[in-house]
Amino acid sequence: MTPDTAGRDRSYSGSTSVSSNLAVPTTPGGASSATSIFSLDEREDALRPDPGSEADFTVPDNKFAFSPGQLGKMLNPKSLAAYVALGGLHGIERGLRSDIDAGLSVDEAHLDGTVTFSEAMHCYKELRELDGTAAPRDVRTRQHIVGATGSDGTFVDRKRVYSDNRLPEKHATPLWKLMWMAYNDKILILLTVAAMISLALGLYETLGADHPPGSPPPVDWIEGLAICIAIIIVVLVGSLNDYQKERAFVKLNAKKDDRQVKVIRSGKSFMINVYEILVGDVLHLEPGDMVPADGIFISGHNVKCDESSATGESDALKKVGGEQVLRLLEPSRSS
């Protein structure tokens, strides 16, 4: 029930911080180990907050072992050191209170207790001591994800900590700003100066000069006013046209991103909206699928991804399962 088919996928981030962290082909890696090629200092540096992102590393009442900021350190740029520091595939599985075979529980609502960072690391160490090729399942992980169904909805704590799989919406440019941008044209500014001069002279001729009885009324100010009205019309028409185009573009993008994906929950396959993917979900990818979120590749055969939209690299990149990469990262096995 994990991604096991070849496909050409395009990386796409669909979350506010870190989207799905299991079963999506991005950065594979190993787990924390005494024989890892990454030193303790390198693993600590890999999880250190970047300037300005400290808020993502602090979550009140966090029921999980990792904060959104720590998970985000695996990406942008991709970092094997951060992946190793988070405990690898099984450390992240335990820390996110998920299951790489069964996925999240459909009954999860409010989670009881917490999983600490050290517990997630200890889970990996236990598995590596018992296993040289395929780690045994940790049944305690399944016990952690089961919660009572609450009347206020499901996955309450998970959504509170990690949010959902939506990028921050790009707000449409305000109309007044589009008007200002349309007005910032040298010709319009020159016409404005000419209109102001003509209007001032016309008003002076009308109000500041004596006119003999029976003379026609002065209308010199009309020329300046007409130029001002023409400038206003040009600015309004241009800005309204740009405003309608921008709104149509936003709606088209929202419709393009709205699609169905296959997710594994409670050991069963479901089709859900791409915006309903949560951190800890296990996704099943098929040939030609577009990757709906950043995450970790669990297993599959001859999987390649087109990451040109994110990296500019035109060649499809082959993805390797996390456990296999872990074995390659250990010096004792890479020789």
C-alpha atoms as a PDB file:
ATOM      1  CA  MET A   1       0.000   0.000   0.000  1.00  0.00           C
ATOM      2  CA  THR A   2       2.897   2.316  -0.782  1.00  0.00           C
ATOM      3  CA  PRO A   3       3.976   3.918  -4.033  1.00  0.00           C
ATOM      4  CA  ASP A   4       5.203   0.983  -6.109  1.00  0.00           C
ATOM      5  CA  THR A   5       4.654   2.011  -9.711  1.00  0.00           C
ATOM      6  CA  ALA A   6       6.877   3.891 -12.091  1.00  0.00           C
ATOM      7  CA  GLY A   7       5.756   7.305 -13.161  1.00  0.00           C
ATOM      8  CA  ARG A   8       6.794  10.670 -14.429  1.00  0.00           C
ATOM      9  CA  ASP A   9       5.900  13.103 -11.695  1.00  0.00           C
ATOM     10  CA  ARG A  10       6.327  16.810 -11.353  1.00  0.00           C
ATOM     11  CA  SER A  11       7.210  18.180  -7.936  1.00  0.00           C
ATOM     12  CA  TYR A  12       4.531  20.455  -6.577  1.00  0.00           C
ATOM     13  CA  SER A  13       4.234  21.898  -3.153  1.00  0.00           C
ATOM     14  CA  GLY A  14       0.728  22.186  -1.912  1.00  0.00           C
ATOM     15  CA  SER A  15       0.992  23.006   1.670  1.00  0.00           C
ATOM     16  CA  THR A  16       1.446  25.975   3.989  1.00  0.00           C
ATOM     17  CA  SER A  17       4.539  24.664   5.731  1.00  0.00           C
ATOM     18  CA  VAL A  18       5.251  20.959   5.158  1.00  0.00           C
ATOM     19  CA  SER A  19       2.667  18.917   3.338  1.00  0.00           C
ATOM     20  CA  SER A  20       2.698  15.140   3.158  1.00  0.00           C
ATOM     21  CA  ASN A  21       5.831  13.751   4.742  1.00  0.00           C
ATOM     22  CA  LEU A  22       5.469  10.120   3.766  1.00  0.00           C
ATOM     23  CA  ALA A  23       5.373   8.336   0.449  1.00  0.00           C
ATOM     24  CA  VAL A  24       5.956  11.282  -1.873  1.00  0.00           C
ATOM     25  CA  PRO A  25       9.169  11.172  -3.910  1.00  0.00           C
ATOM     26  CA  THR A  26      11.489  13.962  -2.874  1.00  0.00           C
ATOM     27  CA  THR A  27      14.450  13.646  -0.589  1.00  0.00           C
ATOM     28  CA  PRO A  28      15.171  10.084   0.460  1.00  0.00           C
ATOM     29  CA  GLY A  29      17.536   9.524   3.314  1.00  0.00           C
ATOM     30  CA  GLY A  30      18.637   7.545   6.251  1.00  0.00           C
ATOM     31  CA  ALA A  31      18.184   7.833   9.956  1.00  0.00           C
ATOM     32  CA  SER A  32      20.323   8.878  12.830  1.00  0.00           C
ATOM     33  CA  SER A  33      23.028   6.343  13.411  1.00  0.00           C
ATOM     34  CA  ALA A  34      26.409   6.135  15.019  1.00  0.00           C
ATOM     35  CA  THR A  35      27.839   4.993  11.701  1.00  0.00           C
ATOM     36  CA  SER A  36      26.200   7.718   9.624  1.00  0.00           C
ATOM     37  CA  ILE A  37      28.417   9.809   7.396  1.00  0.00           C
ATOM     38  CA  PHE A  38      26.937  12.925   9.048  1.00  0.00           C
ATOM     39  CA  SER A  39      28.474  13.974  12.354  1.00  0.00           C
ATOM     40  CA  LEU A  40      26.457  15.104  15.356  1.00  0.00           C
ATOM     41  CA  ASP A  41      27.334  18.747  14.680  1.00  0.00           C
ATOM     42  CA  GLU A  42      26.197  18.443  11.062  1.00  0.00           C
ATOM     43  CA  ARG A  43      22.857  16.972  12.130  1.00  0.00           C
ATOM     44  CA  GLU A  44      22.332  19.727  14.698  1.00  0.00           C
ATOM     45  CA  ASP A  45      23.205  22.432  12.184  1.00  0.00           C
ATOM     46  CA  ALA A  46      20.817  20.884   9.657  1.00  0.00           C
ATOM     47  CA  LEU A  47      17.857  21.468  12.012  1.00  0.00           C
ATOM     48  CA  ARG A  48      18.868  24.948  13.162  1.00  0.00           C
ATOM     49  CA  PRO A  49      16.258  27.618  12.256  1.00  0.00           C
ATOM     50  CA  ASP A  50      17.044  30.036   9.466  1.00  0.00           C
ATOM     51  CA  PRO A  51      16.885  33.740  10.366  1.00  0.00           C
ATOM     52  CA  GLY A  52      13.279  34.888  10.329  1.00  0.00           C
ATOM     53  CA  SER A  53      11.763  31.386  10.522  1.00  0.00           C
ATOM     54  CA  GLU A  54      12.065  30.808  14.269  1.00  0.00           C
ATOM     55  CA  ALA A  55       8.275  30.874  14.710  1.00  0.00           C
ATOM     56  CA  ASP A  56       7.917  27.682  12.627  1.00  0.00           C
ATOM     57  CA  PHE A  57      10.057  25.789  15.144  1.00  0.00           C
ATOM     58  CA  THR A  58       7.885  26.597  18.174  1.00  0.00           C
ATOM     59  CA  VAL A  59       4.399  25.057  18.396  1.00  0.00           C
ATOM     60  CA  PRO A  60       2.376  25.254  21.633  1.00  0.00           C
ATOM     61  CA  ASP A  61       1.098  21.885  22.866  1.00  0.00           C
ATOM     62  CA  ASN A  62       2.742  19.974  20.029  1.00  0.00           C
ATOM     63  CA  LYS A  63       1.560  16.346  20.081  1.00  0.00           C
ATOM     64  CA  PHE A  64       4.229  15.331  17.587  1.00  0.00           C
ATOM     65  CA  ALA A  65       7.983  14.940  17.776  1.00  0.00           C
ATOM     66  CA  PHE A  66       8.721  17.507  15.082  1.00  0.00           C
ATOM     67  CA  SER A  67       7.715  21.074  14.362  1.00  0.00           C
ATOM     68  CA  PRO A  68       6.802  22.329  10.885  1.00  0.00           C
ATOM     69  CA  GLY A  69      10.115  24.161  10.726  1.00  0.00           C
ATOM     70  CA  GLN A  70      12.124  21.003  11.426  1.00  0.00           C
ATOM     71  CA  LEU A  71      10.319  19.076   8.688  1.00  0.00           C
ATOM     72  CA  GLY A  72      10.797  21.968   6.300  1.00  0.00           C
ATOM     73  CA  LYS A  73      14.576  21.794   6.740  1.00  0.00           C
ATOM     74  CA  MET A  74      14.596  18.640   4.596  1.00  0.00           C
ATOM     75  CA  LEU A  75      13.603  20.716   1.576  1.00  0.00           C
ATOM     76  CA  ASN A  76      14.519  23.930  -0.183  1.00  0.00           C
ATOM     77  CA  PRO A  77      17.276  22.979  -0.547  1.00  0.00           C
ATOM     78  CA  LYS A  78      17.114  19.214  -0.130  1.00  0.00           C
ATOM     79  CA  SER A  79      19.147  18.115   2.858  1.00  0.00           C
ATOM     80  CA  LEU A  80      20.126  14.524   3.635  1.00  0.00           C
ATOM     81  CA  ALA A  81      21.710  15.744   6.864  1.00  0.00           C
ATOM     82  CA  ALA A  82      18.331  17.066   8.058  1.00  0.00           C
ATOM     83  CA  TYR A  83      16.685  13.809   7.057  1.00  0.00           C
ATOM     84  CA  VAL A  84      19.229  11.840   9.042  1.00  0.00           C
ATOM     85  CA  ALA A  85      18.789  14.190  12.000  1.00  0.00           C
ATOM     86  CA  LEU A  86      15.032  13.518  12.036  1.00  0.00           C
ATOM     87  CA  GLY A  87      15.588   9.774  12.379  1.00  0.00           C
ATOM     88  CA  GLY A  88      15.079   8.613   8.817  1.00  0.00           C
ATOM     89  CA  LEU A  89      11.958   6.942   7.530  1.00  0.00           C
ATOM     90  CA  HIS A  90      11.016   5.148  10.752  1.00  0.00           C
ATOM     91  CA  GLY A  91      11.974   8.050  12.997  1.00  0.00           C
ATOM     92  CA  ILE A  92       9.700  10.364  11.040  1.00  0.00           C
ATOM     93  CA  GLU A  93       6.988   7.703  10.992  1.00  0.00           C
ATOM     94  CA  ARG A  94       7.074   7.518  14.777  1.00  0.00           C
ATOM     95  CA  GLY A  95       7.442  11.271  15.238  1.00  0.00           C
ATOM     96  CA  LEU A  96       4.435  12.015  13.032  1.00  0.00           C
ATOM     97  CA  ARG A  97       2.394   9.239  14.659  1.00  0.00           C
ATOM     98  CA  SER A  98       1.666   7.605  11.346  1.00  0.00           C
ATOM     99  CA  ASP A  99       2.216   4.202   9.733  1.00  0.00           C
ATOM    100  CA  ILE A 100       4.074   3.646   6.459  1.00  0.00           C
ATOM    101  CA  ASP A 101       1.857   0.635   5.655  1.00  0.00           C
ATOM    102  CA  ALA A 102      -1.584   1.696   6.894  1.00  0.00           C
ATOM    103  CA  GLY A 103      -1.213   5.474   6.787  1.00  0.00           C
ATOM    104  CA  LEU A 104      -3.191   7.672   9.136  1.00  0.00           C
ATOM    105  CA  SER A 105      -6.194   6.402  11.025  1.00  0.00           C
ATOM    106  CA  VAL A 106      -9.569   7.557   9.722  1.00  0.00           C
ATOM    107  CA  ASP A 107     -10.712   7.750  13.358  1.00  0.00           C
ATOM    108  CA  GLU A 108      -8.020  10.204  14.428  1.00  0.00           C
ATOM    109  CA  ALA A 109      -9.375  13.360  16.049  1.00  0.00           C
ATOM    110  CA  HIS A 110      -7.718  14.624  19.225  1.00  0.00           C
ATOM    111  CA  LEU A 111      -4.473  12.802  20.045  1.00  0.00           C
ATOM    112  CA  ASP A 112      -3.656  11.593  23.549  1.00  0.00           C
ATOM    113  CA  GLY A 113      -0.181  12.162  24.947  1.00  0.00           C
ATOM    114  CA  THR A 114       2.846  13.292  22.981  1.00  0.00           C
ATOM    115  CA  VAL A 115       5.791  11.787  21.139  1.00  0.00           C
ATOM    116  CA  THR A 116       9.097  13.447  21.926  1.00  0.00           C
ATOM    117  CA  PHE A 117      12.049  13.937  19.633  1.00  0.00           C
ATOM    118  CA  SER A 118      14.132  11.467  21.650  1.00  0.00           C
ATOM    119  CA  GLU A 119      11.396   8.810  21.415  1.00  0.00           C
ATOM    120  CA  ALA A 120      11.388   9.103  17.634  1.00  0.00           C
ATOM    121  CA  MET A 121      15.174   8.667  17.584  1.00  0.00           C
ATOM    122  CA  HIS A 122      14.976   5.707  19.981  1.00  0.00           C
ATOM    123  CA  CYS A 123      12.445   4.025  17.679  1.00  0.00           C
ATOM    124  CA  TYR A 124      14.966   4.114  14.839  1.00  0.00           C
ATOM    125  CA  LYS A 125      17.815   2.776  16.978  1.00  0.00           C
ATOM    126  CA  GLU A 126      15.702  -0.189  18.080  1.00  0.00           C
ATOM    127  CA  LEU A 127      14.817  -1.046  14.498  1.00  0.00           C
ATOM    128  CA  ARG A 128      18.378  -0.812  13.243  1.00  0.00           C
ATOM    129  CA  GLU A 129      19.649  -3.080  16.008  1.00  0.00           C
ATOM    130  CA  LEU A 130      17.148  -5.758  14.959  1.00  0.00           C
ATOM    131  CA  ASP A 131      17.333  -5.312  11.235  1.00  0.00           C
ATOM    132  CA  GLY A 132      19.960  -5.221   8.564  1.00  0.00           C
ATOM    133  CA  THR A 133      17.737  -5.164   5.506  1.00  0.00           C
ATOM    134  CA  ALA A 134      14.058  -4.721   6.339  1.00  0.00           C
ATOM    135  CA  ALA A 135      13.040  -3.150   9.636  1.00  0.00           C
ATOM    136  CA  PRO A 136      10.216  -4.856  11.588  1.00  0.00           C
ATOM    137  CA  ARG A 137       7.012  -2.951  12.159  1.00  0.00           C
ATOM    138  CA  ASP A 138       6.664  -1.018  15.376  1.00  0.00           C
ATOM    139  CA  VAL A 139       3.154  -1.770  16.619  1.00  0.00           C
ATOM    140  CA  ARG A 140       3.332   1.044  19.145  1.00  0.00           C
ATOM    141  CA  THR A 141       3.218   3.528  16.284  1.00  0.00           C
ATOM    142  CA  ARG A 142      -0.277   2.338  15.369  1.00  0.00           C
ATOM    143  CA  GLN A 143      -1.442   2.719  18.957  1.00  0.00           C
ATOM    144  CA  HIS A 144      -0.345   6.339  19.003  1.00  0.00           C
ATOM    145  CA  ILE A 145      -2.398   7.414  15.985  1.00  0.00           C
ATOM    146  CA  VAL A 146      -5.771   6.042  17.060  1.00  0.00           C
ATOM    147  CA  GLY A 147      -8.030   8.582  18.690  1.00  0.00           C
ATOM    148  CA  ALA A 148     -11.723   8.855  19.427  1.00  0.00           C
ATOM    149  CA  THR A 149     -13.858  10.463  16.763  1.00  0.00           C
ATOM    150  CA  GLY A 150     -14.783  13.919  17.974  1.00  0.00           C
ATOM    151  CA  SER A 151     -17.855  15.932  17.099  1.00  0.00           C
ATOM    152  CA  ASP A 152     -15.629  18.828  16.065  1.00  0.00           C
ATOM    153  CA  GLY A 153     -14.072  16.877  13.185  1.00  0.00           C
ATOM    154  CA  THR A 154     -11.109  14.633  12.482  1.00  0.00           C
ATOM    155  CA  PHE A 155      -7.355  15.231  12.558  1.00  0.00           C
ATOM    156  CA  VAL A 156      -7.849  18.237  14.811  1.00  0.00           C
ATOM    157  CA  ASP A 157      -4.377  18.249  16.382  1.00  0.00           C
ATOM    158  CA  ARG A 158      -2.657  17.391  13.098  1.00  0.00           C
ATOM    159  CA  LYS A 159      -4.330  20.288  11.279  1.00  0.00           C
ATOM    160  CA  ARG A 160      -3.632  22.632  14.167  1.00  0.00           C
ATOM    161  CA  VAL A 161       0.104  21.905  14.158  1.00  0.00           C
ATOM    162  CA  TYR A 162       0.798  21.390  10.457  1.00  0.00           C
ATOM    163  CA  SER A 163      -2.212  23.001   8.766  1.00  0.00           C
ATOM    164  CA  ASP A 164      -3.559  21.559   5.500  1.00  0.00           C
ATOM    165  CA  ASN A 165      -2.160  21.117   2.023  1.00  0.00           C
ATOM    166  CA  ARG A 166      -2.762  24.618   0.722  1.00  0.00           C
ATOM    167  CA  LEU A 167      -0.315  27.193  -0.470  1.00  0.00           C
ATOM    168  CA  PRO A 168      -0.909  30.694   0.873  1.00  0.00           C
ATOM    169  CA  GLU A 169      -3.386  32.358  -1.424  1.00  0.00           C
ATOM    170  CA  LYS A 170      -2.022  35.115  -3.586  1.00  0.00           C
ATOM    171  CA  HIS A 171      -4.204  38.126  -2.983  1.00  0.00           C
ATOM    172  CA  ALA A 172      -5.325  40.045  -6.041  1.00  0.00           C
ATOM    173  CA  THR A 173      -3.660  43.421  -6.525  1.00  0.00           C
ATOM    174  CA  PRO A 174      -5.972  46.154  -5.216  1.00  0.00           C
ATOM    175  CA  LEU A 175      -7.676  48.309  -7.822  1.00  0.00           C
ATOM    176  CA  TRP A 176      -6.138  51.499  -6.461  1.00  0.00           C
ATOM    177  CA  LYS A 177      -2.660  50.030  -6.875  1.00  0.00           C
ATOM    178  CA  LEU A 178      -3.408  48.990 -10.462  1.00  0.00           C
ATOM    179  CA  MET A 179      -4.647  52.532 -11.118  1.00  0.00           C
ATOM    180  CA  TRP A 180      -1.439  53.986  -9.718  1.00  0.00           C
ATOM    181  CA  MET A 181       0.636  51.603 -11.858  1.00  0.00           C
ATOM    182  CA  ALA A 182      -1.370  52.552 -14.959  1.00  0.00           C
ATOM    183  CA  TYR A 183      -0.936  56.244 -14.181  1.00  0.00           C
ATOM    184  CA  ASN A 184       2.853  55.936 -13.873  1.00  0.00           C
ATOM    185  CA  ASP A 185       3.365  56.607 -17.547  1.00  0.00           C
ATOM    186  CA  LYS A 186       5.537  59.458 -18.796  1.00  0.00           C
ATOM    187  CA  ILE A 187       2.950  60.572 -21.358  1.00  0.00           C
ATOM    188  CA  LEU A 188       0.154  60.653 -18.775  1.00  0.00           C
ATOM    189  CA  ILE A 189       2.323  62.550 -16.306  1.00  0.00           C
ATOM    190  CA  LEU A 190       3.236  65.070 -19.008  1.00  0.00           C
ATOM    191  CA  LEU A 191      -0.427  65.487 -19.926  1.00  0.00           C
ATOM    192  CA  THR A 192      -1.280  65.982 -16.255  1.00  0.00           C
ATOM    193  CA  VAL A 193       1.237  68.810 -15.950  1.00  0.00           C
ATOM    194  CA  ALA A 194      -0.097  70.428 -19.126  1.00  0.00           C
ATOM    195  CA  ALA A 195      -3.696  70.036 -17.892  1.00  0.00           C
ATOM    196  CA  MET A 196      -2.890  71.649 -14.553  1.00  0.00           C
ATOM    197  CA  ILE A 197      -1.219  74.625 -16.240  1.00  0.00           C
ATOM    198  CA  SER A 198      -4.070  75.044 -18.719  1.00  0.00           C
ATOM    199  CA  LEU A 199      -6.694  74.717 -15.976  1.00  0.00           C
ATOM    200  CA  ALA A 200      -4.917  77.236 -13.732  1.00  0.00           C
ATOM    201  CA  LEU A 201      -4.610  79.802 -16.538  1.00  0.00           C
ATOM    202  CA  GLY A 202      -8.227  79.233 -17.550  1.00  0.00           C
ATOM    203  CA  LEU A 203      -9.503  79.731 -14.009  1.00  0.00           C
ATOM    204  CA  TYR A 204      -7.388  82.870 -13.673  1.00  0.00           C
ATOM    205  CA  GLU A 205      -8.841  84.251 -16.891  1.00  0.00           C
ATOM    206  CA  THR A 206     -12.340  83.429 -15.641  1.00  0.00           C
ATOM    207  CA  LEU A 207     -12.134  84.499 -12.013  1.00  0.00           C
ATOM    208  CA  GLY A 208      -9.152  86.836 -11.734  1.00  0.00           C
ATOM    209  CA  ALA A 209      -9.591  89.156 -14.696  1.00  0.00           C
ATOM    210  CA  ASP A 210     -12.170  91.889 -15.347  1.00  0.00           C
ATOM    211  CA  HIS A 211     -14.502  91.297 -18.258  1.00  0.00           C
ATOM    212  CA  PRO A 212     -16.333  94.185 -19.976  1.00  0.00           C
ATOM    213  CA  PRO A 213     -20.106  94.008 -20.068  1.00  0.00           C
ATOM    214  CA  GLY A 214     -21.486  92.054 -22.994  1.00  0.00           C
ATOM    215  CA  SER A 215     -18.287  90.067 -23.633  1.00  0.00           C
ATOM    216  CA  PRO A 216     -18.623  86.270 -24.137  1.00  0.00           C
ATOM    217  CA  PRO A 217     -18.063  84.149 -21.015  1.00  0.00           C
ATOM    218  CA  PRO A 218     -14.460  82.871 -20.701  1.00  0.00           C
ATOM    219  CA  VAL A 219     -14.198  79.155 -21.271  1.00  0.00           C
ATOM    220  CA  ASP A 220     -10.409  78.675 -21.304  1.00  0.00           C
ATOM    221  CA  TRP A 221     -10.627  76.394 -18.244  1.00  0.00           C
ATOM    222  CA  ILE A 222     -12.648  73.793 -20.204  1.00  0.00           C
ATOM    223  CA  GLU A 223      -9.559  72.685 -22.146  1.00  0.00           C
ATOM    224  CA  GLY A 224      -7.625  71.825 -18.983  1.00  0.00           C
ATOM    225  CA  LEU A 225     -10.656  70.063 -17.492  1.00  0.00           C
ATOM    226  CA  ALA A 226     -11.118  67.992 -20.651  1.00  0.00           C
ATOM    227  CA  ILE A 227      -7.523  66.806 -20.513  1.00  0.00           C
ATOM    228  CA  CYS A 228      -7.972  65.761 -16.847  1.00  0.00           C
ATOM    229  CA  ILE A 229     -11.129  63.815 -17.699  1.00  0.00           C
ATOM    230  CA  ALA A 230      -9.342  62.049 -20.555  1.00  0.00           C
ATOM    231  CA  ILE A 231      -6.492  61.033 -18.231  1.00  0.00           C
ATOM    232  CA  ILE A 232      -8.970  59.636 -15.672  1.00  0.00           C
ATOM    233  CA  ILE A 233     -10.759  57.625 -18.369  1.00  0.00           C
ATOM    234  CA  VAL A 234      -7.513  56.156 -19.692  1.00  0.00           C
ATOM    235  CA  VAL A 235      -6.328  55.162 -16.205  1.00  0.00           C
ATOM    236  CA  LEU A 236      -9.705  53.640 -15.230  1.00  0.00           C
ATOM    237  CA  VAL A 237     -10.052  51.603 -18.421  1.00  0.00           C
ATOM    238  CA  GLY A 238      -6.486  50.231 -18.202  1.00  0.00           C
ATOM    239  CA  SER A 239      -6.629  49.387 -14.509  1.00  0.00           C
ATOM    240  CA  LEU A 240     -10.084  47.734 -14.718  1.00  0.00           C
ATOM    241  CA  ASN A 241      -8.903  45.610 -17.624  1.00  0.00           C
ATOM    242  CA  ASP A 242      -5.823  44.465 -15.657  1.00  0.00           C
ATOM    243  CA  TYR A 243      -7.976  43.802 -12.571  1.00  0.00           C
ATOM    244  CA  GLN A 244     -10.343  41.514 -14.499  1.00  0.00           C
ATOM    245  CA  LYS A 245      -7.432  39.624 -16.071  1.00  0.00           C
ATOM    246  CA  GLU A 246      -5.797  39.055 -12.676  1.00  0.00           C
ATOM    247  CA  ARG A 247      -9.005  37.738 -11.093  1.00  0.00           C
ATOM    248  CA  ALA A 248      -9.558  35.375 -14.016  1.00  0.00           C
ATOM    249  CA  PHE A 249      -5.987  34.093 -13.703  1.00  0.00           C
ATOM    250  CA  VAL A 250      -6.419  33.383  -9.970  1.00  0.00           C
ATOM    251  CA  LYS A 251      -9.640  31.432 -10.613  1.00  0.00           C
ATOM    252  CA  LEU A 252      -8.011  29.433 -13.414  1.00  0.00           C
ATOM    253  CA  ASN A 253      -5.074  28.471 -11.181  1.00  0.00           C
ATOM    254  CA  ALA A 254      -7.392  27.384  -8.365  1.00  0.00           C
ATOM    255  CA  LYS A 255      -9.357  25.178 -10.742  1.00  0.00           C
ATOM    256  CA  LYS A 256      -6.176  23.657 -12.187  1.00  0.00           C
ATOM    257  CA  ASP A 257      -4.833  22.662  -8.756  1.00  0.00           C
ATOM    258  CA  ASP A 258      -8.136  21.173  -7.566  1.00  0.00           C
ATOM    259  CA  ARG A 259      -7.871  17.433  -8.277  1.00  0.00           C
ATOM    260  CA  GLN A 260      -8.221  13.994  -6.652  1.00  0.00           C
ATOM    261  CA  VAL A 261      -5.330  11.890  -5.305  1.00  0.00           C
ATOM    262  CA  LYS A 262      -5.116   8.365  -3.884  1.00  0.00           C
ATOM    263  CA  VAL A 263      -4.267   8.157  -0.175  1.00  0.00           C
ATOM    264  CA  ILE A 264      -3.876   5.178   2.171  1.00  0.00           C
ATOM    265  CA  ARG A 265      -5.698   5.539   5.490  1.00  0.00           C
ATOM    266  CA  SER A 266      -6.389   2.760   7.971  1.00  0.00           C
ATOM    267  CA  GLY A 267      -4.903   0.347   5.434  1.00  0.00           C
ATOM    268  CA  LYS A 268      -7.477   1.201   2.750  1.00  0.00           C
ATOM    269  CA  SER A 269      -7.209   3.265  -0.402  1.00  0.00           C
ATOM    270  CA  PHE A 270      -9.283   6.447  -0.679  1.00  0.00           C
ATOM    271  CA  MET A 271      -9.629   9.161  -3.304  1.00  0.00           C
ATOM    272  CA  ILE A 272      -9.513  12.573  -1.643  1.00  0.00           C
ATOM    273  CA  ASN A 273      -9.101  16.161  -2.717  1.00  0.00           C
ATOM    274  CA  VAL A 274      -5.508  17.331  -2.984  1.00  0.00           C
ATOM    275  CA  TYR A 275      -6.206  20.018  -0.372  1.00  0.00           C
ATOM    276  CA  GLU A 276      -7.169  17.347   2.200  1.00  0.00           C
ATOM    277  CA  ILE A 277      -3.707  15.748   2.295  1.00  0.00           C
ATOM    278  CA  LEU A 278      -2.181  15.973   5.759  1.00  0.00           C
ATOM    279  CA  VAL A 279       1.292  15.610   7.197  1.00  0.00           C
ATOM    280  CA  GLY A 280       1.818  11.902   7.800  1.00  0.00           C
ATOM    281  CA  ASP A 281      -0.364  10.698   4.934  1.00  0.00           C
ATOM    282  CA  VAL A 282       0.827   7.824   2.732  1.00  0.00           C
ATOM    283  CA  LEU A 283       0.101   8.424  -0.954  1.00  0.00           C
ATOM    284  CA  HIS A 284      -0.087   5.893  -3.764  1.00  0.00           C
ATOM    285  CA  LEU A 285       1.358   7.321  -6.970  1.00  0.00           C
ATOM    286  CA  GLU A 286       0.670   5.924 -10.415  1.00  0.00           C
ATOM    287  CA  PRO A 287       2.369   6.550 -13.764  1.00  0.00           C
ATOM    288  CA  GLY A 288       1.842  10.110 -14.951  1.00  0.00           C
ATOM    289  CA  ASP A 289       0.661  11.447 -11.574  1.00  0.00           C
ATOM    290  CA  MET A 290       1.610  14.942 -10.494  1.00  0.00           C
ATOM    291  CA  VAL A 291       3.179  14.865  -7.038  1.00  0.00           C
ATOM    292  CA  PRO A 292       0.738  16.823  -4.854  1.00  0.00           C
ATOM    293  CA  ALA A 293       3.075  17.664  -1.969  1.00  0.00           C
ATOM    294  CA  ASP A 294       6.643  17.553  -0.701  1.00  0.00           C
ATOM    295  CA  GLY A 295       7.516  14.347   1.090  1.00  0.00           C
ATOM    296  CA  ILE A 296       9.609  11.197   1.291  1.00  0.00           C
ATOM    297  CA  PHE A 297       9.697   8.267  -1.105  1.00  0.00           C
ATOM    298  CA  ILE A 298       8.977   5.014   0.745  1.00  0.00           C
ATOM    299  CA  SER A 299       9.204   2.326  -1.924  1.00  0.00           C
ATOM    300  CA  GLY A 300       8.596   1.704  -5.597  1.00  0.00           C
ATOM    301  CA  HIS A 301      10.132   0.445  -8.817  1.00  0.00           C
ATOM    302  CA  ASN A 302      11.900   2.595 -11.401  1.00  0.00           C
ATOM    303  CA  VAL A 303      10.292   5.817 -10.218  1.00  0.00           C
ATOM    304  CA  LYS A 304      11.480   9.004 -11.902  1.00  0.00           C
ATOM    305  CA  CYS A 305      10.299  12.558 -11.318  1.00  0.00           C
ATOM    306  CA  ASP A 306      10.357  15.614 -13.534  1.00  0.00           C
ATOM    307  CA  GLU A 307      11.467  18.414 -11.220  1.00  0.00           C
ATOM    308  CA  SER A 308      12.091  21.018 -13.908  1.00  0.00           C
ATOM    309  CA  SER A 309       9.374  23.316 -12.541  1.00  0.00           C
ATOM    310  CA  ALA A 310      11.189  23.509  -9.193  1.00  0.00           C
ATOM    311  CA  THR A 311      14.880  23.121 -10.063  1.00  0.00           C
ATOM    312  CA  GLY A 312      15.098  23.906 -13.763  1.00  0.00           C
ATOM    313  CA  GLU A 313      16.712  20.510 -14.400  1.00  0.00           C
ATOM    314  CA  SER A 314      15.225  19.015 -17.562  1.00  0.00           C
ATOM    315  CA  ASP A 315      16.295  15.407 -16.898  1.00  0.00           C
ATOM    316  CA  ALA A 316      13.944  13.175 -14.909  1.00  0.00           C
ATOM    317  CA  LEU A 317      15.483  12.246 -11.554  1.00  0.00           C
ATOM    318  CA  LYS A 318      15.372   8.668 -10.346  1.00  0.00           C
ATOM    319  CA  LYS A 319      14.061   8.160  -6.807  1.00  0.00           C
ATOM    320  CA  VAL A 320      15.381   5.599  -4.337  1.00  0.00           C
ATOM    321  CA  GLY A 321      13.563   4.354  -1.239  1.00  0.00           C
ATOM    322  CA  GLY A 322      14.554   5.798   2.102  1.00  0.00           C
ATOM    323  CA  GLU A 323      15.772   2.526   3.579  1.00  0.00           C
ATOM    324  CA  GLN A 324      18.022   1.828   0.604  1.00  0.00           C
ATOM    325  CA  VAL A 325      19.562   5.283   0.776  1.00  0.00           C
ATOM    326  CA  LEU A 326      20.130   4.789   4.473  1.00  0.00           C
ATOM    327  CA  ARG A 327      22.212   1.712   3.786  1.00  0.00           C
ATOM    328  CA  LEU A 328      24.210   3.627   1.176  1.00  0.00           C
ATOM    329  CA  LEU A 329      24.859   6.439   3.651  1.00  0.00           C
ATOM    330  CA  GLU A 330      26.447   4.091   6.191  1.00  0.00           C
ATOM    331  CA  PRO A 331      30.191   3.832   5.512  1.00  0.00           C
ATOM    332  CA  SER A 332      30.287   0.226   6.681  1.00  0.00           C
ATOM    333  CA  ARG A 333      27.850  -0.768   3.902  1.00  0.00           C
ATOM    334  CA  SER A 334      28.684   1.687   1.146  1.00  0.00           C
ATOM    335  CA  SER A 335      32.086   0.173   0.487  1.00  0.00           C
END
